[in-house]
Amino acid sequence: MARPIVKIAKPVLTPEEQEAQKLDQIKAEAAQNAEGILDTIKLLQELHASGILETVQALVEAKEQVAKIALGQLTRPPVTNTLNNAMAVAEAVSDIDPATTKKLVSSLTHGLQKAEEGLQKDQKVGLLDLYKAMNDPDINRAIGFGLNLLKGMGESLKK
């Protein structure tokens, strides 16, 4: 009776066999992705022909110098001020109810359309026209909104 197998020996590949195995794997991958590889080669040829590839290579080679310049530009006061202002605006906008924002923007759009129509008519507005406009409920509502907006801004500016 034969002895049971207790140890399984894994075949040890020579460096040449490992290299051949890797080349076979690369060939198989290339065959499966031939269209993508050809497109990539065409893209690289176009980038080379236009000089963009050379520029990108130079940027990569000078990455430390480019990083220093970019960092220097980003830390300039105008850039940091812009970023701080953008963050402040984003914070302020996040406090506003989206329904209110939508209503305000919609009203502004409609108001701009009406203003454009008024410009097309090219009518002169007199003092009596302003007095009559105060009795128009839509104009009165907008003026009241503007006055309340100014009141709220003034209260906040006092703090």
Protein backbone atom coordinates (compact mmCIF):
# COMPACT_ATOMS: atom_id res chain seq x y z
CA MET A 1 0.00 0.00 0.00
CA ALA A 2 1.25 3.49 -0.90
CA ARG A 3 1.99 6.16 1.65
CA PRO A 4 -0.37 9.13 1.84
CA ILE A 5 0.86 12.47 0.42
CA VAL A 6 1.63 14.78 3.29
CA LYS A 7 3.51 17.54 1.59
CA ILE A 8 2.65 19.19 -1.72
CA ALA A 9 5.64 20.72 -3.42
CA LYS A 10 4.90 23.88 -5.38
CA PRO A 11 6.80 24.10 -8.60
CA VAL A 12 9.58 26.68 -8.37
CA LEU A 13 9.75 28.77 -11.50
CA THR A 14 13.02 29.99 -12.84
CA PRO A 15 13.39 33.70 -13.54
CA GLU A 16 13.07 32.98 -17.28
CA GLU A 17 9.82 31.06 -16.72
CA GLN A 18 8.46 33.88 -14.55
CA GLU A 19 9.32 36.40 -17.25
CA ALA A 20 7.65 34.25 -19.92
CA GLN A 21 4.57 33.92 -17.73
CA LYS A 22 4.40 37.71 -17.27
CA LEU A 23 4.80 38.28 -21.01
CA ASP A 24 1.97 35.83 -21.71
CA GLN A 25 -0.23 37.69 -19.23
CA ILE A 26 0.62 41.04 -20.86
CA LYS A 27 -0.17 39.62 -24.32
CA ALA A 28 -3.54 38.37 -23.09
CA GLU A 29 -4.40 41.75 -21.53
CA ALA A 30 -3.29 43.58 -24.70
CA ALA A 31 -5.45 41.31 -26.85
CA GLN A 32 -8.50 41.93 -24.65
CA ASN A 33 -7.99 45.73 -24.65
CA ALA A 34 -6.59 46.23 -28.16
CA GLU A 35 -9.04 49.01 -29.12
CA GLY A 36 -8.34 51.04 -25.98
CA ILE A 37 -4.58 50.61 -26.41
CA LEU A 38 -4.76 51.75 -30.03
CA ASP A 39 -6.83 54.79 -29.02
CA THR A 40 -4.28 55.62 -26.33
CA ILE A 41 -1.44 55.38 -28.84
CA LYS A 42 -3.31 57.70 -31.24
CA LEU A 43 -3.87 60.16 -28.39
CA LEU A 44 -0.21 60.10 -27.45
CA GLN A 45 0.75 60.66 -31.10
CA GLU A 46 -1.56 63.67 -31.31
CA LEU A 47 -0.23 65.09 -28.04
CA HIS A 48 3.34 64.60 -29.30
CA ALA A 49 2.59 66.19 -32.68
CA SER A 50 0.99 69.24 -31.06
CA GLY A 51 3.83 69.68 -28.55
CA ILE A 52 1.57 69.20 -25.54
CA LEU A 53 3.26 65.95 -24.54
CA GLU A 54 6.63 67.69 -24.38
CA THR A 55 5.13 70.44 -22.22
CA VAL A 56 3.58 67.91 -19.84
CA GLN A 57 6.88 66.05 -19.60
CA ALA A 58 8.69 69.29 -18.77
CA LEU A 59 6.09 70.09 -16.09
CA VAL A 60 6.48 66.66 -14.54
CA GLU A 61 10.26 66.95 -14.56
CA ALA A 62 10.07 70.39 -12.93
CA LYS A 63 7.36 69.37 -10.47
CA GLU A 64 9.07 70.85 -7.41
CA GLN A 65 9.55 74.24 -9.04
CA VAL A 66 6.00 74.18 -10.44
CA ALA A 67 4.62 73.26 -7.01
CA LYS A 68 6.52 76.15 -5.40
CA ILE A 69 5.16 78.61 -7.98
CA ALA A 70 1.60 77.28 -7.65
CA LEU A 71 1.77 77.42 -3.86
CA GLY A 72 3.16 80.95 -4.04
CA GLN A 73 0.28 82.01 -6.28
CA LEU A 74 -2.34 80.36 -4.07
CA THR A 75 -1.08 82.07 -0.91
CA ARG A 76 -1.24 85.57 -2.40
CA PRO A 77 -3.66 87.86 -0.49
CA PRO A 78 -6.09 88.34 -3.42
CA VAL A 79 -6.48 84.57 -3.80
CA THR A 80 -6.91 83.94 -0.07
CA ASN A 81 -9.39 86.84 0.11
CA THR A 82 -11.37 85.33 -2.76
CA LEU A 83 -11.45 81.93 -1.07
CA ASN A 84 -12.48 83.46 2.27
CA ASN A 85 -15.22 85.49 0.56
CA ALA A 86 -16.49 82.43 -1.31
CA MET A 87 -16.67 80.46 1.94
CA ALA A 88 -18.48 83.33 3.68
CA VAL A 89 -21.01 83.59 0.84
CA ALA A 90 -21.53 79.81 0.87
CA GLU A 91 -22.13 79.93 4.63
CA ALA A 92 -24.58 82.81 4.30
CA VAL A 93 -26.46 81.13 1.46
CA SER A 94 -26.72 77.91 3.45
CA ASP A 95 -28.61 79.82 6.16
CA ILE A 96 -31.30 80.96 3.69
CA ASP A 97 -34.37 78.82 3.15
CA PRO A 98 -34.22 77.40 -0.41
CA ALA A 99 -37.90 78.20 -1.01
CA THR A 100 -37.21 81.86 -0.18
CA THR A 101 -34.21 81.91 -2.50
CA LYS A 102 -36.25 80.36 -5.31
CA LYS A 103 -39.05 82.87 -4.82
CA LEU A 104 -36.62 85.79 -4.71
CA VAL A 105 -34.74 84.71 -7.84
CA SER A 106 -38.00 84.07 -9.69
CA SER A 107 -39.28 87.51 -8.68
CA LEU A 108 -36.02 89.10 -9.76
CA THR A 109 -36.21 87.38 -13.16
CA HIS A 110 -39.79 88.53 -13.68
CA GLY A 111 -38.84 92.04 -12.55
CA LEU A 112 -35.98 92.16 -15.04
CA GLN A 113 -38.37 91.12 -17.83
CA LYS A 114 -40.78 93.91 -16.84
CA ALA A 115 -37.88 96.38 -16.68
CA GLU A 116 -36.81 95.37 -20.21
CA GLU A 117 -40.38 95.91 -21.44
CA GLY A 118 -40.37 99.35 -19.80
CA LEU A 119 -37.10 100.21 -21.54
CA GLN A 120 -38.62 99.27 -24.89
CA LYS A 121 -41.53 101.69 -24.32
CA ASP A 122 -39.06 104.51 -23.54
CA GLN A 123 -41.63 106.46 -21.48
CA LYS A 124 -40.70 109.37 -19.31
CA VAL A 125 -41.62 108.88 -15.65
CA GLY A 126 -42.87 111.92 -13.80
CA LEU A 127 -43.52 112.69 -10.15
CA LEU A 128 -47.23 111.97 -10.53
CA ASP A 129 -46.37 108.55 -12.04
CA LEU A 130 -44.30 107.77 -8.94
CA TYR A 131 -47.17 108.77 -6.67
CA LYS A 132 -49.60 106.57 -8.62
CA ALA A 133 -47.08 103.69 -8.51
CA MET A 134 -47.11 103.82 -4.70
CA ASN A 135 -50.78 102.80 -4.81
CA ASP A 136 -50.02 99.77 -7.01
CA PRO A 137 -50.05 96.76 -4.64
CA ASP A 138 -47.22 94.98 -6.48
CA ILE A 139 -44.93 98.01 -6.35
CA ASN A 140 -45.90 98.68 -2.75
CA ARG A 141 -45.05 95.06 -1.85
CA ALA A 142 -41.62 95.35 -3.50
CA ILE A 143 -40.90 98.67 -1.79
CA GLY A 144 -41.96 97.20 1.56
CA PHE A 145 -39.69 94.20 0.94
CA GLY A 146 -36.79 96.51 0.10
CA LEU A 147 -37.37 98.67 3.19
CA ASN A 148 -37.52 95.60 5.44
CA LEU A 149 -34.36 94.27 3.79
CA LEU A 150 -32.59 97.55 4.48
CA LYS A 151 -33.88 97.55 8.07
CA GLY A 152 -32.54 94.04 8.66
CA MET A 153 -29.18 94.90 7.11
CA GLY A 154 -28.94 98.01 9.28
CA GLU A 155 -29.69 96.03 12.43
CA SER A 156 -27.00 93.48 11.56
CA LEU A 157 -24.46 96.18 10.69
CA LYS A 158 -24.93 97.70 14.17
CA LYS A 159 -23.69 94.46 15.82
